[in-house]
Every structure is written in C-alpha cells, then in structure tokens.
Amino acid sequence: MALNAILKNNDVNIVFQPIISLTDAEIIGYEALSRGPKGSPLEQPIEMFTAAEKFGLLWELEYLCRAKSLEKAKEILPTKMLFINVDPKIVNDPRFQKGHTREILHEFCANTGNVIFEITEKTAINDYKSFCRILDNYISQGYKIAIDDTGSGYSGLRTIAETRPNFIKIDMELIRDIDKDSLKQAMLKALHDFSLSTNSKIVAEGIETKDELSTLIKIGIPYGQGFFLQKPHPDFLELSPDLKQTIQNFNCLKKREMLYTPITMPAGEIARQDVSFPSTTLGSAAINYFNKQPNLQGLPIVDHDKPVGLLMKSKFFASLATQYGVAVHMNRSIYSLMDKDPLIVDYHTPLELVSKSALLRKDNDIYDYILVTKEDKYFGAITVKMLLEKTTQLELNRAKHANPLTGLPGNVIIESELQNLILENSPYSVLYFDLDNFKPYNDVYGFENGDKVICFTAETIHEQLNKLGYNGFLGHIGGDDFIAIVGEHDIAHLCEQIICSFDGKITQYYSEEDRRNGHIIAKNRHGQEENFPIMGLSIAVVTNRHREFASVTELSEVAGQLKKKCKLIWQSCYHIDKRGSVR
C-alpha cells in the first residue's frame, strides 16, 4: 500500500510558507506543509491524510510530518516560529500526549516557545472539555496554539472561546476578494476587535492579490500569508524587496489617511485596480465574468491603456432580458452596450471634487463606477459606496483630531505634517501666528469674546491663503497660536496681506471708547493696571531656503526665537528667518 511505503521510508516532502508581519514586512515564522511523494496518487496532502484516517494511521503520519518539519526547521527555530498542523482527532491519542515533540526539540536544542500547534477548525470537536484539558497541558509546557481555517468549520467562535488561542488564522474564503466585499470587511473588523480584547493575533490566510493585501492592512490585520506574498518552498526564503516595499507603502498610505481630508486626498489612493476588458469583448465573456465575480457590478472597458467605456452589470443584464437580447448580444462585442462617456477622473483629483461630479450625473447613472487614470492611462475604479465610506471616514478622522473651537487640524495632525515636511525636504515656509495682547483682552472682554477673536483670526488667515492661491496647510496649535505651511511663494507679500486684513478688522471686537483710545486698561502680571494696545498679529516664518532642519524640535526652536523678536514690537509684524528685518 502506498501509505505504508510512505511511513516506512519516511517519504514525505516538507515545504514552508512564510507568515509575514503586515506592519513591517518581516517574516515572523513559517507554516510547515506536508506533501506525499512527487507524482504519486498521495502527493496532495488532502489525499494523503484522508487515506491515513481511513486506515487508522493518522497519528503515525502526523508524527512523521511533525518530526521532519522540526528537523528541517531546527536552524530557524531560535528566532522564528514554526506553525505545525494538528488534526483534533489525534489530540486524544495517548501517543500525542507523551512528549514526543519535546523530545525532538530537545534533540535539536530548540525551545517550545516558537512552536505553534495549528488546530484546524474544519474538523468537528466533539468533547471540548477533554480537548481543552489536553491543550492546556501543552500550553503549560510553553507551546502556543493557533486555530486554523477560522470561518470555515463546524464550531466557529466556540472553538476560539474554549481554546483561547494565541493565533486566529482566518480561512482564505473570507479573504478572497475582501477588497470588493464590504460584508467580509465588516466580519474581519469584528474579528480583529475581538482579537485585540482577547490578546490573540490574527493571521489572514490565502492572500492572492495586491488589493486584498491593501484592504487587510487598512483594517489593521497584523499578519498574513498567501501566494501573493510567497508560495510554499522547500527552503526558508526571504521576501522580495519589491514585496517589502509594497507592504511599507500600504502602511505609509494608511498613516497618511489620518491626515487627509476630502479636499486633500487624491481619488487614486482609494481606487480599486479592477481587471479591465477591451471593447471587442463578447457579451458571453462579459456575462461569464460577472457570474464568476458576483460582487462585481461593473467592467472598465480599456483600449490601448485608455479607458473608453464602462459596462455596468445591471444595465447589461437589463439589455439581455429584452426580447432577443441574449441572441443578439451574446456573440457580439460589448461596444454597443457600454457607456461610452463614463465619469473619468485623474489620480490626483481630490475626493471632494469626485463626489460632486458623481452626484451631478443623471439619476440612472448615479451608482455607476468612476474610472481613474494615472498619467492618462487606466489605473482603477471607484464605486460610489467606496467614495461615500471614505469621505465619511476622513471627516470623522478630521473631527477627531480637530480643534473644537475653530475646526482646524490640531496638534496630532500638525506634528505629522511637520514631520512629513522635513522628510520630503521640498521648498517650504512654516508660518507661526500669535496674537499680541490677547490675555489682557480676554480678562477685560471675557472668554466668549476671546473665542470670537480666535475664530476671526483663523478665518482671516484662511481667507488670505485662499485669496492669494496658497494651497497650503492651516492648523490650530491651541489658544491664540496657529500654524500655516506653504510652498515656494512670496512669503513677505502673504504676511503683509494677512496683517493688513487683520489690522483692518480687529477693532470691531473692541468698544467704541477703546477704539478711540487705541488701548484697553487691564492688570499686568504684577497685578498693576496698565494700558495695553489694540491686539496685533505676530508672524514668525521659518523656511528651508537657507538652512535644513533635522527635526520638528529644531524647527520649533528657531520659530520660538523669531517670535521673541516679534514680541518686542507691540503692533502687527512678521519676521522671516534669514530673510530680512522685522517689519
């Protein structure tokens, strides 16, 4: 019998598939996978293990596979984890409990901490009490437990609840096309939240596309494996530099999304890179593709890398449902049925503009896909649902990190903007704004009027930035302090315009008597009454035109020195670093 020959000759082949951190692109361990003799009827593992169960040799085969896996992995075990599959049926076997695995590890001078037993969920567990008692015995020896194929088996969440695993491996069927399936995304988000509360780690199995990987990273799944990352191999291979860079780029994009608003986020960063079809595609091919991809609602039509049309599923099927529709269109190209004037936007178009354009379409087209180009070539597609979800998320993120008084980005976002600025090292100017004599005003006129002045200051700066075409960043540090970041511009002219606008309107926040006197009477820091002039605006400008900054701290220190110079003058003024004198 072929199975006896395998056991007698130790004739199993072990291959290893890496399990990868989706946050830093490092390999945390490998899953050991067993194969029968190449070219034999038992080469595929499912055939080999089915035969072993049929003839009562399951424990013998599992032990052989485990021993060979540990022997091959002895070099990596001190630093990497090894995931070994275990069928629940053999857990109750007395031979499983007698320390064979520990003996093998002792022989290789390896410890139990890096060995993870993967319990497959595809097999029903009938006696949870005994099963968990045995697992507890292994956990007490330092082994870790993973529940494999979560979401595909009989026991579902009960297996997780009863075993309290260290790792929860999500079945590949839940990962397949997750970028296109919002229900799967919601399920995985819920499992991720559950894992955080139970101190388990999720591993997404069967990642096969770039879009699946991107979606998993956005959700926050910490680990993954699959053919897109690396196929099983007899050796312990490292990841390719390109894949590492892809994972790092997706993580950078996830961090940048915290700083985006619908106005600043490019449409291309949420586009899904759907497969495109030429306009010569037959109707029969289109319907076959729709049937294979039930979650897909549209097909981008692309000729010579240029998007030329869009075939929406609902409209296509409606045409087929007419009299003779199938006979007419199945063997003809989809050219006559596709929308030849779909909404096409450039990669860098802000989401806010895309949303406006999408909503201006006719009611019959309102839910059609939006096609995205990059450098005039087809890049991907955006659904209206994706657009609404992302703009809502960005608004929530913005609200979460915004100053509650002005609604401008607060310190978390400001810090990230400044860090990115220094890393990119493009020409920039950072303007720090501070109100002069604001505290005495607050003491005399009260906090409510003080808040009005702060909002007025924010509106004045924002208005002038827009009026002069400075597409920069404006943030509210707190109190009466603001910050703006702009690129290569005439900064002196910008400062003068902001000050002119501020000085021209600030007096409206004073009483007629105070305006006439040109000052207010308030107590100074020593408790003595003093005349304080009408509020002014100080602007300290730091640029990288004449020096480079290594950190946000260094940049802030220079800004602080400039603000002190401005404060020596009790009227609106600005000072540009290494640029000229106070004005």
Foldseek 3Di string as FASTA:
>chain_A
DQLVVCLVVLAKAWWWFFKAFLQQGFTQATEIDIAGHPPDPRRDPVSNQVVCVVVVNNVSVLLSSLLVQCVLCLVPQVRHAYEGEDELVCLPPVVVQPCPNVVSCVVSVHAQQRYEYEYEQADDDDDLVVSQVSVVVSVVRNHFYEHAQAPNHDQHCVVCVSNLGQEYEHHQVLLVPVLLDVVSLVVVLVVVVVCVVSNHAYEYEADDDLSSSLSCVLSPRGIYTHVVQPDIGSDDDRTDPVVSVSSNVSNVLSVVLLQDALQFAFPLSLFDADDAAAQFDAQQVVVVVCVVVVSDFKHFHDDPQAGQFMAGNVQLVVQCPDVCSCVPGRGGGCNVVTGRDAAEEERRHRLVVVLVVLVPDDPVCNQPWYWYDYPNGTGGIDTVVSSVVSNVVSLVSLQVQADPLQSAGEDVSVQVVVAVCQVVVAWKKKKKKAKPPLVQVCVVVHDVLSSVLLNVLQCLLVVLCVVVVFPWGKGDHDRNMIMIMGGDDPVVVSLVSSQVVCVVPQCVSDDPVCVVVQWDWGADPVRDIDTAGRMAMEMEMEIPPPHHDPHPVRRVVSSVVQVVQRNVDRHYWYDYPPPDDID
